[in-house]
Amino acid sequence: MDFGRPVAIALLGVIWHIVDHTEAAAIADRLDD
């Protein structure tokens, strides 16, 4: 069984979510200035 692929995809999804949230917060902070 190849467990590497689903784990990598899940990890990428989590990282993407964190990055996306951070970017959105940074943009909102910049607009708030």
C-alpha atoms as a PDB file:
ATOM      1  CA  MET A   1       0.000   0.000   0.000  1.00  0.00           C
ATOM      2  CA  ASP A   2       1.211   3.485  -0.848  1.00  0.00           C
ATOM      3  CA  PHE A   3       0.421   5.684   2.135  1.00  0.00           C
ATOM      4  CA  GLY A   4       2.874   8.411   1.104  1.00  0.00           C
ATOM      5  CA  ARG A   5       0.626  10.056  -1.478  1.00  0.00           C
ATOM      6  CA  PRO A   6      -2.532  10.626   0.640  1.00  0.00           C
ATOM      7  CA  VAL A   7      -0.419  11.789   3.578  1.00  0.00           C
ATOM      8  CA  ALA A   8       1.460  14.257   1.387  1.00  0.00           C
ATOM      9  CA  ILE A   9      -1.807  15.559  -0.099  1.00  0.00           C
ATOM     10  CA  ALA A  10      -3.338  15.994   3.360  1.00  0.00           C
ATOM     11  CA  LEU A  11      -0.213  17.774   4.601  1.00  0.00           C
ATOM     12  CA  LEU A  12      -0.209  20.059   1.565  1.00  0.00           C
ATOM     13  CA  GLY A  13      -3.867  20.855   2.208  1.00  0.00           C
ATOM     14  CA  VAL A  14      -3.126  21.830   5.801  1.00  0.00           C
ATOM     15  CA  ILE A  15      -0.138  23.979   4.798  1.00  0.00           C
ATOM     16  CA  TRP A  16      -2.163  25.625   2.009  1.00  0.00           C
ATOM     17  CA  HIS A  17      -4.913  26.418   4.527  1.00  0.00           C
ATOM     18  CA  ILE A  18      -2.449  28.001   6.972  1.00  0.00           C
ATOM     19  CA  VAL A  19      -0.711  30.024   4.250  1.00  0.00           C
ATOM     20  CA  ASP A  20      -4.047  31.123   2.787  1.00  0.00           C
ATOM     21  CA  HIS A  21      -5.294  32.243   6.207  1.00  0.00           C
ATOM     22  CA  THR A  22      -2.061  34.113   6.958  1.00  0.00           C
ATOM     23  CA  GLU A  23      -2.139  35.877   3.590  1.00  0.00           C
ATOM     24  CA  ALA A  24      -5.778  36.868   4.064  1.00  0.00           C
ATOM     25  CA  ALA A  25      -4.974  38.234   7.531  1.00  0.00           C
ATOM     26  CA  ALA A  26      -1.998  40.172   6.165  1.00  0.00           C
ATOM     27  CA  ILE A  27      -4.115  41.653   3.362  1.00  0.00           C
ATOM     28  CA  ALA A  28      -6.878  42.607   5.799  1.00  0.00           C
ATOM     29  CA  ASP A  29      -4.268  44.174   8.087  1.00  0.00           C
ATOM     30  CA  ARG A  30      -2.857  46.168   5.162  1.00  0.00           C
ATOM     31  CA  LEU A  31      -6.321  47.363   4.123  1.00  0.00           C
ATOM     32  CA  ASP A  32      -7.030  48.345   7.721  1.00  0.00           C
ATOM     33  CA  ASP A  33      -3.985  50.640   7.767  1.00  0.00           C
END
